[in-house]
C-alpha atoms as a PDB file:
ATOM      1  CA  MET A   1     206.182  72.663 103.256  1.00  0.00           C
ATOM      2  CA  ARG A   2     204.768  73.521 106.479  1.00  0.00           C
ATOM      3  CA  PRO A   3     206.926  74.322 109.474  1.00  0.00           C
ATOM      4  CA  PRO A   4     207.222  71.366 112.061  1.00  0.00           C
ATOM      5  CA  GLY A   5     204.344  71.261 114.316  1.00  0.00           C
ATOM      6  CA  CYS A   6     201.798  73.101 112.122  1.00  0.00           C
ATOM      7  CA  ALA A   7     198.438  71.416 111.252  1.00  0.00           C
ATOM      8  CA  PRO A   8     197.228  71.150 107.712  1.00  0.00           C
ATOM      9  CA  VAL A   9     194.525  73.557 106.904  1.00  0.00           C
ATOM     10  CA  ALA A  10     191.321  72.191 105.860  1.00  0.00           C
ATOM     11  CA  PRO A  11     190.081  73.243 102.355  1.00  0.00           C
ATOM     12  CA  VAL A  12     187.445  75.853 102.108  1.00  0.00           C
ATOM     13  CA  SER A  13     184.180  74.616 100.917  1.00  0.00           C
ATOM     14  CA  ALA A  14     182.828  75.758  97.709  1.00  0.00           C
ATOM     15  CA  SER A  15     179.834  77.385  99.340  1.00  0.00           C
ATOM     16  CA  ALA A  16     182.337  79.409 101.577  1.00  0.00           C
ATOM     17  CA  ALA A  17     184.813  80.332  98.995  1.00  0.00           C
ATOM     18  CA  ALA A  18     185.341  83.933  97.982  1.00  0.00           C
ATOM     19  CA  PRO A  19     185.737  84.959  94.441  1.00  0.00           C
ATOM     20  CA  ALA A  20     188.452  83.119  92.378  1.00  0.00           C
ATOM     21  CA  ASP A  21     191.022  85.870  92.470  1.00  0.00           C
ATOM     22  CA  ASP A  22     191.112  85.772  96.153  1.00  0.00           C
ATOM     23  CA  HIS A  23     194.408  84.270  96.852  1.00  0.00           C
ATOM     24  CA  PHE A  24     194.079  82.974 100.507  1.00  0.00           C
ATOM     25  CA  THR A  25     190.609  81.527  99.861  1.00  0.00           C
ATOM     26  CA  THR A  26     191.895  79.599  96.692  1.00  0.00           C
ATOM     27  CA  LYS A  27     194.751  78.418  98.428  1.00  0.00           C
ATOM     28  CA  GLY A  28     192.671  76.704 101.198  1.00  0.00           C
ATOM     29  CA  TYR A  29     193.087  79.498 104.125  1.00  0.00           C
ATOM     30  CA  ARG A  30     189.829  80.608 105.736  1.00  0.00           C
ATOM     31  CA  PRO A  31     189.522  84.375 106.257  1.00  0.00           C
ATOM     32  CA  MET A  32     189.735  85.569 109.786  1.00  0.00           C
ATOM     33  CA  PHE A  33     186.812  88.092 109.435  1.00  0.00           C
ATOM     34  CA  ASN A  34     183.391  86.488 109.698  1.00  0.00           C
ATOM     35  CA  ASP A  35     180.598  88.688 108.509  1.00  0.00           C
ATOM     36  CA  ASP A  36     178.096  86.574 110.410  1.00  0.00           C
ATOM     37  CA  ASP A  37     179.807  87.244 113.766  1.00  0.00           C
ATOM     38  CA  GLN A  38     177.216  88.914 115.965  1.00  0.00           C
ATOM     39  CA  ARG A  39     179.263  88.900 119.272  1.00  0.00           C
ATOM     40  CA  ILE A  40     179.620  92.287 121.043  1.00  0.00           C
ATOM     41  CA  TYR A  41     183.379  93.712 120.666  1.00  0.00           C
ATOM     42  CA  THR A  42     185.027  96.701 122.222  1.00  0.00           C
ATOM     43  CA  VAL A  43     187.637  98.955 120.306  1.00  0.00           C
ATOM     44  CA  VAL A  44     190.843  99.102 122.016  1.00  0.00           C
ATOM     45  CA  ARG A  45     193.919 101.232 121.260  1.00  0.00           C
ATOM     46  CA  ASN A  46     197.680 100.827 122.404  1.00  0.00           C
ATOM     47  CA  ASP A  47     200.251 103.357 123.388  1.00  0.00           C
ATOM     48  CA  GLU A  48     201.262 103.533 119.723  1.00  0.00           C
ATOM     49  CA  GLU A  49     197.749 104.680 118.667  1.00  0.00           C
ATOM     50  CA  GLN A  50     197.085 101.321 116.826  1.00  0.00           C
ATOM     51  CA  TYR A  51     193.554 100.074 117.169  1.00  0.00           C
ATOM     52  CA  SER A  52     192.007  96.569 117.326  1.00  0.00           C
ATOM     53  CA  VAL A  53     188.897  94.950 118.426  1.00  0.00           C
ATOM     54  CA  TRP A  54     188.602  92.673 121.530  1.00  0.00           C
ATOM     55  CA  PRO A  55     185.589  90.617 123.020  1.00  0.00           C
ATOM     56  CA  THR A  56     183.544  92.529 125.282  1.00  0.00           C
ATOM     57  CA  GLY A  57     183.721  91.022 128.714  1.00  0.00           C
ATOM     58  CA  ARG A  58     187.312  89.636 128.487  1.00  0.00           C
ATOM     59  CA  SER A  59     190.293  91.405 130.063  1.00  0.00           C
ATOM     60  CA  VAL A  60     191.851  93.745 127.770  1.00  0.00           C
ATOM     61  CA  PRO A  61     195.625  92.762 127.270  1.00  0.00           C
ATOM     62  CA  ARG A  62     198.333  94.965 129.114  1.00  0.00           C
ATOM     63  CA  GLY A  63     199.211  97.818 126.957  1.00  0.00           C
ATOM     64  CA  TRP A  64     195.769  98.165 125.349  1.00  0.00           C
ATOM     65  CA  ALA A  65     192.898 100.423 126.655  1.00  0.00           C
ATOM     66  CA  GLU A  66     189.186 100.592 125.688  1.00  0.00           C
ATOM     67  CA  VAL A  67     188.127 103.736 123.679  1.00  0.00           C
ATOM     68  CA  GLY A  68     184.429 103.618 124.617  1.00  0.00           C
ATOM     69  CA  VAL A  69     183.134 102.152 121.229  1.00  0.00           C
ATOM     70  CA  THR A  70     181.289  98.762 121.458  1.00  0.00           C
ATOM     71  CA  GLY A  71     179.181  96.969 118.867  1.00  0.00           C
ATOM     72  CA  THR A  72     179.428  94.007 116.515  1.00  0.00           C
ATOM     73  CA  LYS A  73     182.878  93.272 114.857  1.00  0.00           C
ATOM     74  CA  ALA A  74     181.547  95.112 111.718  1.00  0.00           C
ATOM     75  CA  GLU A  75     180.459  98.216 113.482  1.00  0.00           C
ATOM     76  CA  CYS A  76     183.769  98.368 115.595  1.00  0.00           C
ATOM     77  CA  LEU A  77     185.901  97.804 112.291  1.00  0.00           C
ATOM     78  CA  ASP A  78     183.783 100.666 110.566  1.00  0.00           C
ATOM     79  CA  HIS A  79     184.802 103.033 113.553  1.00  0.00           C
ATOM     80  CA  ILE A  80     188.293 101.950 113.444  1.00  0.00           C
ATOM     81  CA  ARG A  81     188.159 102.815 109.339  1.00  0.00           C
ATOM     82  CA  VAL A  82     187.022 106.306 110.265  1.00  0.00           C
ATOM     83  CA  VAL A  83     189.393 107.237 113.232  1.00  0.00           C
ATOM     84  CA  TRP A  84     192.741 105.295 112.230  1.00  0.00           C
ATOM     85  CA  THR A  85     193.543 107.270 109.203  1.00  0.00           C
ATOM     86  CA  ASP A  86     197.461 107.028 109.760  1.00  0.00           C
ATOM     87  CA  LEU A  87     198.438 103.611 110.131  1.00  0.00           C
ATOM     88  CA  ARG A  88     201.907 104.261 111.253  1.00  0.00           C
ATOM     89  CA  PRO A  89     202.871 103.824 114.862  1.00  0.00           C
ATOM     90  CA  ARG A  90     202.726 107.067 116.859  1.00  0.00           C
ATOM     91  CA  SER A  91     206.424 106.986 117.514  1.00  0.00           C
ATOM     92  CA  VAL A  92     207.184 106.738 113.746  1.00  0.00           C
ATOM     93  CA  ARG A  93     205.001 109.573 113.141  1.00  0.00           C
ATOM     94  CA  GLU A  94     206.819 111.668 115.730  1.00  0.00           C
ATOM     95  CA  ALA A  95     210.165 110.536 114.425  1.00  0.00           C
ATOM     96  CA  MET A  96     209.250 111.563 110.950  1.00  0.00           C
ATOM     97  CA  GLU A  97     207.806 114.996 112.254  1.00  0.00           C
ATOM     98  CA  ALA A  98     211.022 115.793 114.059  1.00  0.00           C
END
């Protein structure tokens, strides 16, 4: 049962489907990451040292700052995988170290 106001999700075509053990695809959800996306993105980081990608040319949301890395989404995500080795927010890391 969907919450009120939520539209049904269109099923994913067989040609776009992931392996059979991919729960989200087999349940009709579309993956958020598109390997064919060739737009240019920038890597951004917030005050808690959490990373994300943001479309280049759009204003970065308040609380986030560009880190100087741009490229395709795949290139930006590769950079994030290298530099963001501890996924805990900065405040949690600091509290655990105290």
